[in-house]
Amino acid sequence: MNKLSDEDIEKRLLRFPDWDYFDNAIHGEFEFENFKDCFSAMSRIAFECEALNHHPNWSNVYNVLTISLSTHDAGGVTLKDFKLAEAIENIVEPDEE
């Protein structure tokens, strides 16, 4: 998988308003009603990660989930990261497709 150019990443991010590009990764932060809802979303995201064989750097504090996506083997952001970001968006914000 080839690393995308900064220009390509910025163009693709137009479809992902909740995500930003910095530090050689795309980053999203999602707030839920409570810890249970956040953890439930994390569990569903984990299944997508396994299916794509691509695993995020993420953290959870109470009802906030912070995710960073980068393809380590490619040394930056690839199409694989955007595919996972899309799956994450469909889980955390299904009504906004």
PDB file of N, CA and C in Angstrom:
ATOM      1  N   MET A   1       0.851  -1.168   0.000  1.00  0.00           N
ATOM      2  CA  MET A   1       0.000   0.000   0.000  1.00  0.00           C
ATOM      3  C   MET A   1       0.902   1.237   0.000  1.00  0.00           C
ATOM      4  N   ASN A   2       0.652   2.152  -0.920  1.00  0.00           N
ATOM      5  CA  ASN A   2       1.477   3.350  -1.052  1.00  0.00           C
ATOM      6  C   ASN A   2       0.953   4.496  -0.194  1.00  0.00           C
ATOM      7  N   LYS A   3       1.895   5.243   0.365  1.00  0.00           N
ATOM      8  CA  LYS A   3       1.586   6.438   1.142  1.00  0.00           C
ATOM      9  C   LYS A   3       0.992   7.496   0.219  1.00  0.00           C
ATOM     10  N   LEU A   4      -0.063   8.158   0.685  1.00  0.00           N
ATOM     11  CA  LEU A   4      -0.711   9.214  -0.094  1.00  0.00           C
ATOM     12  C   LEU A   4       0.025  10.540   0.101  1.00  0.00           C
ATOM     13  N   SER A   5      -0.054  11.404  -0.902  1.00  0.00           N
ATOM     14  CA  SER A   5       0.543  12.735  -0.788  1.00  0.00           C
ATOM     15  C   SER A   5      -0.314  13.590   0.142  1.00  0.00           C
ATOM     16  N   ASP A   6       0.287  14.647   0.694  1.00  0.00           N
ATOM     17  CA  ASP A   6      -0.466  15.562   1.559  1.00  0.00           C
ATOM     18  C   ASP A   6      -1.678  16.128   0.828  1.00  0.00           C
ATOM     19  N   GLU A   7      -1.506  16.466  -0.442  1.00  0.00           N
ATOM     20  CA  GLU A   7      -2.599  17.015  -1.240  1.00  0.00           C
ATOM     21  C   GLU A   7      -3.730  16.006  -1.395  1.00  0.00           C
ATOM     22  N   ASP A   8      -3.380  14.761  -1.657  1.00  0.00           N
ATOM     23  CA  ASP A   8      -4.374  13.699  -1.804  1.00  0.00           C
ATOM     24  C   ASP A   8      -5.126  13.478  -0.487  1.00  0.00           C
ATOM     25  N   ILE A   9      -4.402  13.503   0.613  1.00  0.00           N
ATOM     26  CA  ILE A   9      -5.020  13.315   1.927  1.00  0.00           C
ATOM     27  C   ILE A   9      -6.006  14.439   2.216  1.00  0.00           C
ATOM     28  N   GLU A  10      -5.572  15.685   1.989  1.00  0.00           N
ATOM     29  CA  GLU A  10      -6.447  16.833   2.246  1.00  0.00           C
ATOM     30  C   GLU A  10      -7.710  16.772   1.382  1.00  0.00           C
ATOM     31  N   LYS A  11      -7.561  16.343   0.144  1.00  0.00           N
ATOM     32  CA  LYS A  11      -8.711  16.228  -0.761  1.00  0.00           C
ATOM     33  C   LYS A  11      -9.681  15.152  -0.256  1.00  0.00           C
ATOM     34  N   ARG A  12      -9.146  14.018   0.169  1.00  0.00           N
ATOM     35  CA  ARG A  12      -9.996  12.930   0.669  1.00  0.00           C
ATOM     36  C   ARG A  12     -10.683  13.306   1.984  1.00  0.00           C
ATOM     37  N   LEU A  13     -10.022  14.129   2.785  1.00  0.00           N
ATOM     38  CA  LEU A  13     -10.597  14.537   4.071  1.00  0.00           C
ATOM     39  C   LEU A  13     -11.836  15.402   3.912  1.00  0.00           C
ATOM     40  N   LEU A  14     -12.070  15.950   2.736  1.00  0.00           N
ATOM     41  CA  LEU A  14     -13.281  16.736   2.511  1.00  0.00           C
ATOM     42  C   LEU A  14     -14.530  15.889   2.759  1.00  0.00           C
ATOM     43  N   ARG A  15     -14.418  14.577   2.574  1.00  0.00           N
ATOM     44  CA  ARG A  15     -15.537  13.658   2.827  1.00  0.00           C
ATOM     45  C   ARG A  15     -15.646  13.266   4.303  1.00  0.00           C
ATOM     46  N   PHE A  16     -14.650  13.670   5.100  1.00  0.00           N
ATOM     47  CA  PHE A  16     -14.577  13.282   6.505  1.00  0.00           C
ATOM     48  C   PHE A  16     -14.399  14.522   7.385  1.00  0.00           C
ATOM     49  N   PRO A  17     -15.465  15.313   7.572  1.00  0.00           N
ATOM     50  CA  PRO A  17     -15.332  16.577   8.304  1.00  0.00           C
ATOM     51  C   PRO A  17     -14.921  16.425   9.770  1.00  0.00           C
ATOM     52  N   ASP A  18     -15.097  15.241  10.351  1.00  0.00           N
ATOM     53  CA  ASP A  18     -14.724  15.033  11.750  1.00  0.00           C
ATOM     54  C   ASP A  18     -13.259  14.616  11.913  1.00  0.00           C
ATOM     55  N   TRP A  19     -12.525  14.561  10.809  1.00  0.00           N
ATOM     56  CA  TRP A  19     -11.138  14.102  10.840  1.00  0.00           C
ATOM     57  C   TRP A  19     -10.186  15.223  10.439  1.00  0.00           C
ATOM     58  N   ASP A  20      -8.975  15.183  11.007  1.00  0.00           N
ATOM     59  CA  ASP A  20      -7.921  16.139  10.683  1.00  0.00           C
ATOM     60  C   ASP A  20      -6.653  15.376  10.332  1.00  0.00           C
ATOM     61  N   TYR A  21      -5.766  16.039   9.609  1.00  0.00           N
ATOM     62  CA  TYR A  21      -4.489  15.444   9.229  1.00  0.00           C
ATOM     63  C   TYR A  21      -3.351  16.219   9.880  1.00  0.00           C
ATOM     64  N   PHE A  22      -2.583  15.531  10.709  1.00  0.00           N
ATOM     65  CA  PHE A  22      -1.362  16.101  11.289  1.00  0.00           C
ATOM     66  C   PHE A  22      -0.527  14.953  11.839  1.00  0.00           C
ATOM     67  N   ASP A  23       0.747  15.220  12.056  1.00  0.00           N
ATOM     68  CA  ASP A  23       1.678  14.215  12.588  1.00  0.00           C
ATOM     69  C   ASP A  23       1.639  12.914  11.791  1.00  0.00           C
ATOM     70  N   ASN A  24       1.525  13.036  10.467  1.00  0.00           N
ATOM     71  CA  ASN A  24       1.604  11.887   9.567  1.00  0.00           C
ATOM     72  C   ASN A  24       0.485  10.858   9.783  1.00  0.00           C
ATOM     73  N   ALA A  25      -0.689  11.335  10.252  1.00  0.00           N
ATOM     74  CA  ALA A  25      -1.831  10.446  10.478  1.00  0.00           C
ATOM     75  C   ALA A  25      -3.115  11.262  10.356  1.00  0.00           C
ATOM     76  N   ILE A  26      -4.229  10.555  10.173  1.00  0.00           N
ATOM     77  CA  ILE A  26      -5.527  11.220  10.244  1.00  0.00           C
ATOM     78  C   ILE A  26      -6.111  10.924  11.624  1.00  0.00           C
ATOM     79  N   HIS A  27      -6.756  11.949  12.189  1.00  0.00           N
ATOM     80  CA  HIS A  27      -7.215  11.882  13.576  1.00  0.00           C
ATOM     81  C   HIS A  27      -8.689  12.264  13.661  1.00  0.00           C
ATOM     82  N   GLY A  28      -9.421  11.485  14.445  1.00  0.00           N
ATOM     83  CA  GLY A  28     -10.822  11.792  14.702  1.00  0.00           C
ATOM     84  C   GLY A  28     -11.112  11.718  16.188  1.00  0.00           C
ATOM     85  N   GLU A  29     -12.036  12.540  16.632  1.00  0.00           N
ATOM     86  CA  GLU A  29     -12.460  12.506  18.030  1.00  0.00           C
ATOM     87  C   GLU A  29     -13.981  12.485  18.053  1.00  0.00           C
ATOM     88  N   PHE A  30     -14.532  11.552  18.795  1.00  0.00           N
ATOM     89  CA  PHE A  30     -15.975  11.336  18.807  1.00  0.00           C
ATOM     90  C   PHE A  30     -16.480  11.314  20.241  1.00  0.00           C
ATOM     91  N   GLU A  31     -17.548  12.053  20.473  1.00  0.00           N
ATOM     92  CA  GLU A  31     -18.141  12.122  21.805  1.00  0.00           C
ATOM     93  C   GLU A  31     -19.478  11.384  21.805  1.00  0.00           C
ATOM     94  N   PHE A  32     -19.685  10.594  22.835  1.00  0.00           N
ATOM     95  CA  PHE A  32     -20.897   9.793  22.979  1.00  0.00           C
ATOM     96  C   PHE A  32     -21.671  10.259  24.208  1.00  0.00           C
ATOM     97  N   GLU A  33     -22.864   9.733  24.349  1.00  0.00           N
ATOM     98  CA  GLU A  33     -23.701  10.114  25.480  1.00  0.00           C
ATOM     99  C   GLU A  33     -23.089   9.690  26.814  1.00  0.00           C
ATOM    100  N   ASN A  34     -22.458   8.510  26.839  1.00  0.00           N
ATOM    101  CA  ASN A  34     -21.890   7.994  28.076  1.00  0.00           C
ATOM    102  C   ASN A  34     -20.789   6.971  27.746  1.00  0.00           C
ATOM    103  N   PHE A  35     -20.159   6.456  28.784  1.00  0.00           N
ATOM    104  CA  PHE A  35     -19.069   5.503  28.613  1.00  0.00           C
ATOM    105  C   PHE A  35     -19.540   4.224  27.915  1.00  0.00           C
ATOM    106  N   LYS A  36     -20.706   3.742  28.309  1.00  0.00           N
ATOM    107  CA  LYS A  36     -21.220   2.499  27.728  1.00  0.00           C
ATOM    108  C   LYS A  36     -21.381   2.619  26.215  1.00  0.00           C
ATOM    109  N   ASP A  37     -21.939   3.726  25.737  1.00  0.00           N
ATOM    110  CA  ASP A  37     -22.117   3.924  24.297  1.00  0.00           C
ATOM    111  C   ASP A  37     -20.763   4.028  23.581  1.00  0.00           C
ATOM    112  N   CYS A  38     -19.825   4.699  24.218  1.00  0.00           N
ATOM    113  CA  CYS A  38     -18.487   4.833  23.635  1.00  0.00           C
ATOM    114  C   CYS A  38     -17.822   3.461  23.532  1.00  0.00           C
ATOM    115  N   PHE A  39     -17.879   2.704  24.604  1.00  0.00           N
ATOM    116  CA  PHE A  39     -17.247   1.391  24.606  1.00  0.00           C
ATOM    117  C   PHE A  39     -17.931   0.444  23.623  1.00  0.00           C
ATOM    118  N   SER A  40     -19.223   0.564  23.484  1.00  0.00           N
ATOM    119  CA  SER A  40     -19.964  -0.243  22.514  1.00  0.00           C
ATOM    120  C   SER A  40     -19.475   0.057  21.091  1.00  0.00           C
ATOM    121  N   ALA A  41     -19.300   1.338  20.780  1.00  0.00           N
ATOM    122  CA  ALA A  41     -18.789   1.720  19.460  1.00  0.00           C
ATOM    123  C   ALA A  41     -17.378   1.176  19.259  1.00  0.00           C
ATOM    124  N   MET A  42     -16.560   1.238  20.295  1.00  0.00           N
ATOM    125  CA  MET A  42     -15.195   0.708  20.194  1.00  0.00           C
ATOM    126  C   MET A  42     -15.213  -0.793  19.883  1.00  0.00           C
ATOM    127  N   SER A  43     -16.132  -1.503  20.493  1.00  0.00           N
ATOM    128  CA  SER A  43     -16.239  -2.945  20.242  1.00  0.00           C
ATOM    129  C   SER A  43     -16.615  -3.218  18.789  1.00  0.00           C
ATOM    130  N   ARG A  44     -17.559  -2.446  18.263  1.00  0.00           N
ATOM    131  CA  ARG A  44     -17.954  -2.619  16.862  1.00  0.00           C
ATOM    132  C   ARG A  44     -16.822  -2.221  15.919  1.00  0.00           C
ATOM    133  N   ILE A  45     -16.110  -1.169  16.262  1.00  0.00           N
ATOM    134  CA  ILE A  45     -14.970  -0.749  15.444  1.00  0.00           C
ATOM    135  C   ILE A  45     -13.891  -1.828  15.444  1.00  0.00           C
ATOM    136  N   ALA A  46     -13.696  -2.477  16.579  1.00  0.00           N
ATOM    137  CA  ALA A  46     -12.672  -3.532  16.675  1.00  0.00           C
ATOM    138  C   ALA A  46     -12.921  -4.648  15.661  1.00  0.00           C
ATOM    139  N   PHE A  47     -14.180  -4.995  15.436  1.00  0.00           N
ATOM    140  CA  PHE A  47     -14.490  -6.032  14.444  1.00  0.00           C
ATOM    141  C   PHE A  47     -14.122  -5.562  13.033  1.00  0.00           C
ATOM    142  N   GLU A  48     -14.375  -4.290  12.734  1.00  0.00           N
ATOM    143  CA  GLU A  48     -13.988  -3.739  11.419  1.00  0.00           C
ATOM    144  C   GLU A  48     -12.475  -3.736  11.266  1.00  0.00           C
ATOM    145  N   CYS A  49     -11.777  -3.393  12.338  1.00  0.00           N
ATOM    146  CA  CYS A  49     -10.310  -3.382  12.305  1.00  0.00           C
ATOM    147  C   CYS A  49      -9.769  -4.775  11.990  1.00  0.00           C
ATOM    148  N   GLU A  50     -10.319  -5.762  12.629  1.00  0.00           N
ATOM    149  CA  GLU A  50      -9.889  -7.143  12.371  1.00  0.00           C
ATOM    150  C   GLU A  50     -10.197  -7.545  10.935  1.00  0.00           C
ATOM    151  N   ALA A  51     -11.374  -7.189  10.447  1.00  0.00           N
ATOM    152  CA  ALA A  51     -11.758  -7.548   9.085  1.00  0.00           C
ATOM    153  C   ALA A  51     -10.812  -6.915   8.062  1.00  0.00           C
ATOM    154  N   LEU A  52     -10.360  -5.687   8.341  1.00  0.00           N
ATOM    155  CA  LEU A  52      -9.457  -4.989   7.431  1.00  0.00           C
ATOM    156  C   LEU A  52      -7.987  -5.263   7.743  1.00  0.00           C
ATOM    157  N   ASN A  53      -7.735  -5.991   8.842  1.00  0.00           N
ATOM    158  CA  ASN A  53      -6.372  -6.237   9.315  1.00  0.00           C
ATOM    159  C   ASN A  53      -5.605  -4.917   9.432  1.00  0.00           C
ATOM    160  N   HIS A  54      -6.255  -3.952  10.059  1.00  0.00           N
ATOM    161  CA  HIS A  54      -5.676  -2.618  10.214  1.00  0.00           C
ATOM    162  C   HIS A  54      -6.139  -2.083  11.567  1.00  0.00           C
ATOM    163  N   HIS A  55      -5.203  -1.715  12.410  1.00  0.00           N
ATOM    164  CA  HIS A  55      -5.541  -1.406  13.797  1.00  0.00           C
ATOM    165  C   HIS A  55      -5.113   0.013  14.158  1.00  0.00           C
ATOM    166  N   PRO A  56      -6.035   0.793  14.725  1.00  0.00           N
ATOM    167  CA  PRO A  56      -5.756   2.200  15.032  1.00  0.00           C
ATOM    168  C   PRO A  56      -4.987   2.379  16.334  1.00  0.00           C
ATOM    169  N   ASN A  57      -4.417   3.548  16.469  1.00  0.00           N
ATOM    170  CA  ASN A  57      -3.995   4.027  17.784  1.00  0.00           C
ATOM    171  C   ASN A  57      -5.219   4.763  18.304  1.00  0.00           C
ATOM    172  N   TRP A  58      -5.722   4.346  19.451  1.00  0.00           N
ATOM    173  CA  TRP A  58      -6.921   4.992  19.965  1.00  0.00           C
ATOM    174  C   TRP A  58      -6.891   5.052  21.480  1.00  0.00           C
ATOM    175  N   SER A  59      -7.682   5.966  22.009  1.00  0.00           N
ATOM    176  CA  SER A  59      -7.813   6.077  23.451  1.00  0.00           C
ATOM    177  C   SER A  59      -9.245   6.471  23.775  1.00  0.00           C
ATOM    178  N   ASN A  60      -9.624   6.174  24.989  1.00  0.00           N
ATOM    179  CA  ASN A  60     -10.980   6.446  25.454  1.00  0.00           C
ATOM    180  C   ASN A  60     -10.898   7.039  26.851  1.00  0.00           C
ATOM    181  N   VAL A  61     -11.538   8.183  27.031  1.00  0.00           N
ATOM    182  CA  VAL A  61     -11.699   8.770  28.351  1.00  0.00           C
ATOM    183  C   VAL A  61     -13.190   9.049  28.510  1.00  0.00           C
ATOM    184  N   TYR A  62     -13.797   8.321  29.430  1.00  0.00           N
ATOM    185  CA  TYR A  62     -15.226   8.348  29.701  1.00  0.00           C
ATOM    186  C   TYR A  62     -16.047   8.236  28.420  1.00  0.00           C
ATOM    187  N   ASN A  63     -16.557   9.337  27.871  1.00  0.00           N
ATOM    188  CA  ASN A  63     -17.439   9.245  26.706  1.00  0.00           C
ATOM    189  C   ASN A  63     -16.788   9.765  25.420  1.00  0.00           C
ATOM    190  N   VAL A  64     -15.473   9.938  25.435  1.00  0.00           N
ATOM    191  CA  VAL A  64     -14.766  10.462  24.262  1.00  0.00           C
ATOM    192  C   VAL A  64     -13.788   9.413  23.732  1.00  0.00           C
ATOM    193  N   LEU A  65     -13.887   9.171  22.434  1.00  0.00           N
ATOM    194  CA  LEU A  65     -13.009   8.242  21.733  1.00  0.00           C
ATOM    195  C   LEU A  65     -12.128   9.045  20.783  1.00  0.00           C
ATOM    196  N   THR A  66     -10.824   8.903  20.920  1.00  0.00           N
ATOM    197  CA  THR A  66      -9.855   9.577  20.059  1.00  0.00           C
ATOM    198  C   THR A  66      -9.133   8.516  19.244  1.00  0.00           C
ATOM    199  N   ILE A  67      -9.097   8.713  17.927  1.00  0.00           N
ATOM    200  CA  ILE A  67      -8.526   7.713  17.015  1.00  0.00           C
ATOM    201  C   ILE A  67      -7.504   8.367  16.097  1.00  0.00           C
ATOM    202  N   SER A  68      -6.364   7.688  15.898  1.00  0.00           N
ATOM    203  CA  SER A  68      -5.356   8.109  14.928  1.00  0.00           C
ATOM    204  C   SER A  68      -5.104   6.947  13.982  1.00  0.00           C
ATOM    205  N   LEU A  69      -5.138   7.249  12.685  1.00  0.00           N
ATOM    206  CA  LEU A  69      -4.926   6.218  11.675  1.00  0.00           C
ATOM    207  C   LEU A  69      -3.721   6.551  10.807  1.00  0.00           C
ATOM    208  N   SER A  70      -2.843   5.578  10.673  1.00  0.00           N
ATOM    209  CA  SER A  70      -1.669   5.679   9.818  1.00  0.00           C
ATOM    210  C   SER A  70      -1.240   4.253   9.495  1.00  0.00           C
ATOM    211  N   THR A  71      -0.725   4.054   8.297  1.00  0.00           N
ATOM    212  CA  THR A  71      -0.257   2.722   7.916  1.00  0.00           C
ATOM    213  C   THR A  71       1.246   2.670   8.178  1.00  0.00           C
ATOM    214  N   HIS A  72       1.624   2.003   9.245  1.00  0.00           N
ATOM    215  CA  HIS A  72       3.017   2.000   9.679  1.00  0.00           C
ATOM    216  C   HIS A  72       3.964   1.448   8.614  1.00  0.00           C
ATOM    217  N   ASP A  73       3.539   0.393   7.933  1.00  0.00           N
ATOM    218  CA  ASP A  73       4.394  -0.214   6.891  1.00  0.00           C
ATOM    219  C   ASP A  73       4.695   0.749   5.750  1.00  0.00           C
ATOM    220  N   ALA A  74       3.769   1.680   5.483  1.00  0.00           N
ATOM    221  CA  ALA A  74       3.947   2.641   4.394  1.00  0.00           C
ATOM    222  C   ALA A  74       4.556   3.950   4.886  1.00  0.00           C
ATOM    223  N   GLY A  75       4.636   4.124   6.182  1.00  0.00           N
ATOM    224  CA  GLY A  75       5.205   5.343   6.732  1.00  0.00           C
ATOM    225  C   GLY A  75       4.297   6.554   6.638  1.00  0.00           C
ATOM    226  N   GLY A  76       2.988   6.330   6.602  1.00  0.00           N
ATOM    227  CA  GLY A  76       2.056   7.449   6.529  1.00  0.00           C
ATOM    228  C   GLY A  76       0.651   6.989   6.227  1.00  0.00           C
ATOM    229  N   VAL A  77      -0.151   7.900   5.755  1.00  0.00           N
ATOM    230  CA  VAL A  77      -1.568   7.642   5.484  1.00  0.00           C
ATOM    231  C   VAL A  77      -1.728   7.010   4.099  1.00  0.00           C
ATOM    232  N   THR A  78      -2.540   5.944   4.052  1.00  0.00           N
ATOM    233  CA  THR A  78      -2.818   5.245   2.799  1.00  0.00           C
ATOM    234  C   THR A  78      -4.323   5.118   2.605  1.00  0.00           C
ATOM    235  N   LEU A  79      -4.711   4.521   1.493  1.00  0.00           N
ATOM    236  CA  LEU A  79      -6.134   4.257   1.251  1.00  0.00           C
ATOM    237  C   LEU A  79      -6.727   3.357   2.330  1.00  0.00           C
ATOM    238  N   LYS A  80      -5.904   2.495   2.900  1.00  0.00           N
ATOM    239  CA  LYS A  80      -6.355   1.598   3.960  1.00  0.00           C
ATOM    240  C   LYS A  80      -6.874   2.404   5.166  1.00  0.00           C
ATOM    241  N   ASP A  81      -6.216   3.514   5.458  1.00  0.00           N
ATOM    242  CA  ASP A  81      -6.652   4.362   6.572  1.00  0.00           C
ATOM    243  C   ASP A  81      -8.003   4.996   6.277  1.00  0.00           C
ATOM    244  N   PHE A  82      -8.197   5.425   5.043  1.00  0.00           N
ATOM    245  CA  PHE A  82      -9.479   6.030   4.689  1.00  0.00           C
ATOM    246  C   PHE A  82     -10.595   4.990   4.652  1.00  0.00           C
ATOM    247  N   LYS A  83     -10.264   3.769   4.282  1.00  0.00           N
ATOM    248  CA  LYS A  83     -11.273   2.704   4.294  1.00  0.00           C
ATOM    249  C   LYS A  83     -11.726   2.432   5.731  1.00  0.00           C
ATOM    250  N   LEU A  84     -10.779   2.403   6.663  1.00  0.00           N
ATOM    251  CA  LEU A  84     -11.135   2.198   8.064  1.00  0.00           C
ATOM    252  C   LEU A  84     -11.871   3.423   8.619  1.00  0.00           C
ATOM    253  N   ALA A  85     -11.446   4.621   8.249  1.00  0.00           N
ATOM    254  CA  ALA A  85     -12.140   5.838   8.703  1.00  0.00           C
ATOM    255  C   ALA A  85     -13.601   5.815   8.245  1.00  0.00           C
ATOM    256  N   GLU A  86     -13.832   5.362   7.034  1.00  0.00           N
ATOM    257  CA  GLU A  86     -15.208   5.272   6.532  1.00  0.00           C
ATOM    258  C   GLU A  86     -16.025   4.274   7.352  1.00  0.00           C
ATOM    259  N   ALA A  87     -15.434   3.126   7.660  1.00  0.00           N
ATOM    260  CA  ALA A  87     -16.131   2.136   8.486  1.00  0.00           C
ATOM    261  C   ALA A  87     -16.427   2.705   9.870  1.00  0.00           C
ATOM    262  N   ILE A  88     -15.473   3.442  10.435  1.00  0.00           N
ATOM    263  CA  ILE A  88     -15.664   4.056  11.753  1.00  0.00           C
ATOM    264  C   ILE A  88     -16.794   5.078  11.694  1.00  0.00           C
ATOM    265  N   GLU A  89     -16.804   5.902  10.671  1.00  0.00           N
ATOM    266  CA  GLU A  89     -17.871   6.900  10.508  1.00  0.00           C
ATOM    267  C   GLU A  89     -19.244   6.229  10.460  1.00  0.00           C
ATOM    268  N   ASN A  90     -19.344   5.122   9.742  1.00  0.00           N
ATOM    269  CA  ASN A  90     -20.621   4.415   9.624  1.00  0.00           C
ATOM    270  C   ASN A  90     -21.079   3.841  10.959  1.00  0.00           C
ATOM    271  N   ILE A  91     -20.143   3.588  11.858  1.00  0.00           N
ATOM    272  CA  ILE A  91     -20.490   3.073  13.179  1.00  0.00           C
ATOM    273  C   ILE A  91     -20.847   4.213  14.130  1.00  0.00           C
ATOM    274  N   VAL A  92     -20.041   5.252  14.174  1.00  0.00           N
ATOM    275  CA  VAL A  92     -20.253   6.299  15.175  1.00  0.00           C
ATOM    276  C   VAL A  92     -21.307   7.321  14.776  1.00  0.00           C
ATOM    277  N   GLU A  93     -21.532   7.484  13.462  1.00  0.00           N
ATOM    278  CA  GLU A  93     -22.517   8.450  13.005  1.00  0.00           C
ATOM    279  C   GLU A  93     -23.337   7.886  11.850  1.00  0.00           C
ATOM    280  N   PRO A  94     -24.087   6.807  12.094  1.00  0.00           N
ATOM    281  CA  PRO A  94     -24.794   6.130  10.999  1.00  0.00           C
ATOM    282  C   PRO A  94     -25.849   6.977  10.314  1.00  0.00           C
ATOM    283  N   ASP A  95     -26.374   7.980  10.993  1.00  0.00           N
ATOM    284  CA  ASP A  95     -27.431   8.810  10.402  1.00  0.00           C
ATOM    285  C   ASP A  95     -26.907   9.859   9.436  1.00  0.00           C
ATOM    286  N   GLU A  96     -25.591  10.052   9.400  1.00  0.00           N
ATOM    287  CA  GLU A  96     -25.011  11.123   8.595  1.00  0.00           C
ATOM    288  C   GLU A  96     -24.321  10.597   7.342  1.00  0.00           C
ATOM    289  N   GLU A  97     -24.784   9.509   6.777  1.00  0.00           N
ATOM    290  CA  GLU A  97     -24.172   8.941   5.575  1.00  0.00           C
ATOM    291  C   GLU A  97     -24.482   9.761   4.362  1.00  0.00           C
TER     292      GLU A  97
END
